[in-house]
N, C-alpha and C. Protein backbone atom coordinates (compact mmCIF):
# COMPACT_ATOMS: atom_id res chain seq x y z
N MET A 1 0.81 -1.19 0.00
CA MET A 1 0.00 0.00 0.00
C MET A 1 0.86 1.26 0.00
N LEU A 2 1.92 1.27 0.80
CA LEU A 2 2.78 2.45 0.88
C LEU A 2 3.56 2.66 -0.41
N VAL A 3 3.93 1.56 -1.09
CA VAL A 3 4.63 1.68 -2.37
C VAL A 3 3.70 2.30 -3.41
N LEU A 4 2.45 1.87 -3.41
CA LEU A 4 1.47 2.43 -4.33
C LEU A 4 1.24 3.92 -4.04
N LEU A 5 1.16 4.28 -2.79
CA LEU A 5 1.02 5.69 -2.41
C LEU A 5 2.22 6.49 -2.91
N GLY A 6 3.42 5.97 -2.74
CA GLY A 6 4.63 6.65 -3.21
C GLY A 6 4.65 6.82 -4.72
N CYS A 7 4.21 5.80 -5.44
CA CYS A 7 4.15 5.88 -6.91
C CYS A 7 3.13 6.93 -7.36
N CYS A 8 1.98 6.96 -6.71
CA CYS A 8 0.95 7.94 -7.07
C CYS A 8 1.41 9.37 -6.77
N VAL A 9 2.06 9.56 -5.63
CA VAL A 9 2.57 10.89 -5.28
C VAL A 9 3.63 11.33 -6.28
N ALA A 10 4.53 10.42 -6.64
CA ALA A 10 5.58 10.75 -7.63
C ALA A 10 4.96 11.06 -8.98
N ALA A 11 3.95 10.30 -9.39
CA ALA A 11 3.31 10.54 -10.69
C ALA A 11 2.64 11.91 -10.75
N VAL A 12 2.17 12.40 -9.62
CA VAL A 12 1.52 13.71 -9.60
C VAL A 12 2.55 14.84 -9.46
N LEU A 13 3.58 14.65 -8.64
CA LEU A 13 4.49 15.74 -8.32
C LEU A 13 5.65 15.91 -9.31
N VAL A 14 6.08 14.86 -9.94
CA VAL A 14 7.25 14.96 -10.84
C VAL A 14 6.98 15.90 -12.01
N PRO A 15 5.85 15.81 -12.72
CA PRO A 15 5.67 16.69 -13.88
C PRO A 15 5.22 18.12 -13.55
N THR A 16 5.02 18.47 -12.28
CA THR A 16 4.53 19.81 -11.97
C THR A 16 5.63 20.85 -12.15
N PRO A 17 5.31 21.98 -12.78
CA PRO A 17 6.32 23.02 -12.97
C PRO A 17 6.59 23.82 -11.69
N LEU A 18 5.64 23.83 -10.76
CA LEU A 18 5.79 24.57 -9.52
C LEU A 18 5.55 23.61 -8.36
N LEU A 19 6.52 23.50 -7.47
CA LEU A 19 6.41 22.57 -6.35
C LEU A 19 6.21 23.36 -5.07
N GLU A 20 5.11 23.10 -4.39
CA GLU A 20 4.78 23.79 -3.15
C GLU A 20 4.60 22.78 -2.02
N LEU A 21 4.79 23.23 -0.80
CA LEU A 21 4.66 22.34 0.35
C LEU A 21 3.25 21.81 0.52
N ARG A 22 2.26 22.57 0.10
CA ARG A 22 0.88 22.12 0.29
C ARG A 22 0.57 20.86 -0.50
N TYR A 23 1.34 20.58 -1.54
CA TYR A 23 1.13 19.36 -2.32
C TYR A 23 1.47 18.10 -1.52
N PHE A 24 2.19 18.24 -0.43
CA PHE A 24 2.59 17.10 0.37
C PHE A 24 1.69 16.85 1.58
N ILE A 25 0.69 17.70 1.80
CA ILE A 25 -0.17 17.57 2.98
C ILE A 25 -0.99 16.28 2.92
N LEU A 26 -1.69 16.07 1.84
CA LEU A 26 -2.52 14.87 1.73
C LEU A 26 -1.69 13.59 1.72
N PRO A 27 -0.59 13.51 0.96
CA PRO A 27 0.23 12.29 1.05
C PRO A 27 0.78 12.04 2.46
N ALA A 28 1.15 13.10 3.17
CA ALA A 28 1.65 12.93 4.53
C ALA A 28 0.56 12.41 5.46
N LEU A 29 -0.65 12.92 5.30
CA LEU A 29 -1.77 12.44 6.12
C LEU A 29 -2.09 10.97 5.80
N LEU A 30 -2.10 10.61 4.52
CA LEU A 30 -2.35 9.22 4.16
C LEU A 30 -1.26 8.30 4.67
N LEU A 31 -0.01 8.74 4.60
CA LEU A 31 1.09 7.94 5.13
C LEU A 31 0.95 7.76 6.63
N ARG A 32 0.54 8.80 7.31
CA ARG A 32 0.35 8.74 8.76
C ARG A 32 -0.77 7.77 9.13
N VAL A 33 -1.85 7.80 8.38
CA VAL A 33 -3.00 6.92 8.66
C VAL A 33 -2.63 5.46 8.43
N HIS A 34 -1.89 5.18 7.37
CA HIS A 34 -1.58 3.80 7.01
C HIS A 34 -0.30 3.26 7.66
N SER A 35 0.42 4.08 8.41
CA SER A 35 1.67 3.62 9.00
C SER A 35 1.46 2.77 10.25
N GLY A 36 0.31 2.90 10.90
CA GLY A 36 0.04 2.11 12.10
C GLY A 36 0.65 2.68 13.36
N ILE A 37 1.16 3.90 13.31
CA ILE A 37 1.74 4.54 14.49
C ILE A 37 0.61 5.09 15.35
N ASP A 38 0.69 4.85 16.64
CA ASP A 38 -0.32 5.36 17.57
C ASP A 38 -0.13 6.86 17.74
N VAL A 39 -1.07 7.64 17.26
CA VAL A 39 -0.95 9.10 17.30
C VAL A 39 -1.21 9.66 18.68
N HIS A 40 -1.68 8.86 19.61
CA HIS A 40 -2.01 9.36 20.94
C HIS A 40 -0.86 9.19 21.94
N GLN A 41 0.25 8.61 21.52
CA GLN A 41 1.38 8.51 22.41
C GLN A 41 2.03 9.88 22.57
N ARG A 42 2.50 10.16 23.75
CA ARG A 42 3.08 11.48 24.05
C ARG A 42 4.30 11.77 23.18
N SER A 43 5.17 10.79 23.00
CA SER A 43 6.39 11.04 22.21
C SER A 43 6.04 11.35 20.76
N ASN A 44 5.04 10.68 20.20
CA ASN A 44 4.63 10.97 18.83
C ASN A 44 4.01 12.36 18.73
N SER A 45 3.27 12.76 19.73
CA SER A 45 2.67 14.10 19.72
C SER A 45 3.74 15.18 19.79
N VAL A 46 4.75 14.97 20.63
CA VAL A 46 5.84 15.94 20.75
C VAL A 46 6.60 16.05 19.42
N ILE A 47 6.85 14.93 18.78
CA ILE A 47 7.54 14.94 17.49
C ILE A 47 6.70 15.66 16.44
N ASN A 48 5.40 15.39 16.39
CA ASN A 48 4.53 16.06 15.42
C ASN A 48 4.48 17.56 15.64
N VAL A 49 4.36 17.99 16.87
CA VAL A 49 4.33 19.42 17.17
C VAL A 49 5.66 20.06 16.81
N SER A 50 6.76 19.40 17.10
CA SER A 50 8.08 19.93 16.79
C SER A 50 8.27 20.10 15.28
N ILE A 51 7.86 19.11 14.52
CA ILE A 51 7.98 19.19 13.07
C ILE A 51 7.11 20.32 12.53
N SER A 52 5.90 20.45 13.04
CA SER A 52 5.01 21.53 12.60
C SER A 52 5.59 22.90 12.92
N LEU A 53 6.14 23.06 14.11
CA LEU A 53 6.76 24.34 14.48
C LEU A 53 7.96 24.64 13.59
N LEU A 54 8.76 23.64 13.28
CA LEU A 54 9.92 23.84 12.42
C LEU A 54 9.50 24.27 11.02
N VAL A 55 8.52 23.60 10.46
CA VAL A 55 8.03 23.96 9.12
C VAL A 55 7.46 25.37 9.13
N ASN A 56 6.67 25.71 10.14
CA ASN A 56 6.11 27.06 10.23
C ASN A 56 7.19 28.12 10.38
N PHE A 57 8.23 27.84 11.15
CA PHE A 57 9.33 28.78 11.31
C PHE A 57 10.05 29.00 9.98
N ILE A 58 10.30 27.93 9.25
CA ILE A 58 10.99 28.04 7.96
C ILE A 58 10.15 28.84 6.97
N VAL A 59 8.85 28.58 6.92
CA VAL A 59 7.97 29.31 6.01
C VAL A 59 7.93 30.79 6.39
N LEU A 60 7.83 31.10 7.67
CA LEU A 60 7.83 32.49 8.12
C LEU A 60 9.15 33.17 7.79
N TYR A 61 10.26 32.48 7.98
CA TYR A 61 11.58 33.03 7.66
C TYR A 61 11.68 33.36 6.17
N VAL A 62 11.26 32.44 5.32
CA VAL A 62 11.30 32.68 3.88
C VAL A 62 10.41 33.85 3.52
N PHE A 63 9.24 33.95 4.11
CA PHE A 63 8.32 35.04 3.82
C PHE A 63 8.92 36.39 4.21
N VAL A 64 9.55 36.46 5.39
CA VAL A 64 10.05 37.74 5.89
C VAL A 64 11.39 38.12 5.27
N ARG A 65 12.29 37.16 5.12
CA ARG A 65 13.67 37.47 4.73
C ARG A 65 14.02 37.28 3.26
N LYS A 66 13.18 36.64 2.49
CA LYS A 66 13.55 36.31 1.11
C LYS A 66 12.54 36.85 0.08
N PRO A 67 12.40 38.17 -0.03
CA PRO A 67 11.52 38.69 -1.08
C PRO A 67 12.17 38.52 -2.45
N PHE A 68 11.37 38.62 -3.49
CA PHE A 68 11.92 38.55 -4.84
C PHE A 68 11.36 39.70 -5.66
N LEU A 69 12.02 40.00 -6.76
CA LEU A 69 11.62 41.11 -7.62
C LEU A 69 10.91 40.61 -8.85
N TRP A 70 9.79 41.26 -9.17
CA TRP A 70 9.09 41.00 -10.41
C TRP A 70 9.85 41.72 -11.53
N PRO A 71 9.63 41.33 -12.77
CA PRO A 71 10.32 42.01 -13.88
C PRO A 71 10.09 43.52 -13.94
N ASP A 72 8.97 44.00 -13.41
CA ASP A 72 8.71 45.45 -13.42
C ASP A 72 9.38 46.17 -12.27
N GLY A 73 10.10 45.45 -11.39
CA GLY A 73 10.84 46.05 -10.29
C GLY A 73 10.12 46.06 -8.97
N SER A 74 8.87 45.63 -8.92
CA SER A 74 8.16 45.61 -7.65
C SER A 74 8.59 44.40 -6.81
N VAL A 75 8.50 44.58 -5.50
CA VAL A 75 8.93 43.54 -4.56
C VAL A 75 7.73 42.67 -4.21
N ALA A 76 7.93 41.37 -4.18
CA ALA A 76 6.88 40.42 -3.79
C ALA A 76 7.46 39.43 -2.79
N ARG A 77 6.60 38.71 -2.13
CA ARG A 77 7.04 37.71 -1.15
C ARG A 77 6.38 36.37 -1.43
N PHE A 78 7.12 35.31 -1.09
CA PHE A 78 6.57 33.98 -1.22
C PHE A 78 5.54 33.75 -0.13
N MET A 79 4.44 33.14 -0.48
CA MET A 79 3.41 32.83 0.50
C MET A 79 3.07 31.34 0.42
N TRP A 80 2.66 30.80 1.54
CA TRP A 80 2.26 29.40 1.55
C TRP A 80 0.87 29.28 2.06
């Protein structure tokens, strides 16, 4: 089942011209559901919260510190 999930995710994500983090939300949730890991254990909850905080920090850092210029010279920011 997990191999099939990986093949389907690769088939969808490989040909995309723009790769965003939101494209990985559903595959990550499906992997979590089918992995058999008990989500109610304290250690798993701490790991999940830590990963979420890290991803949010990285996205906020990119948004604040890494603007880019449009061809007309205006400044824009990456958003997720």
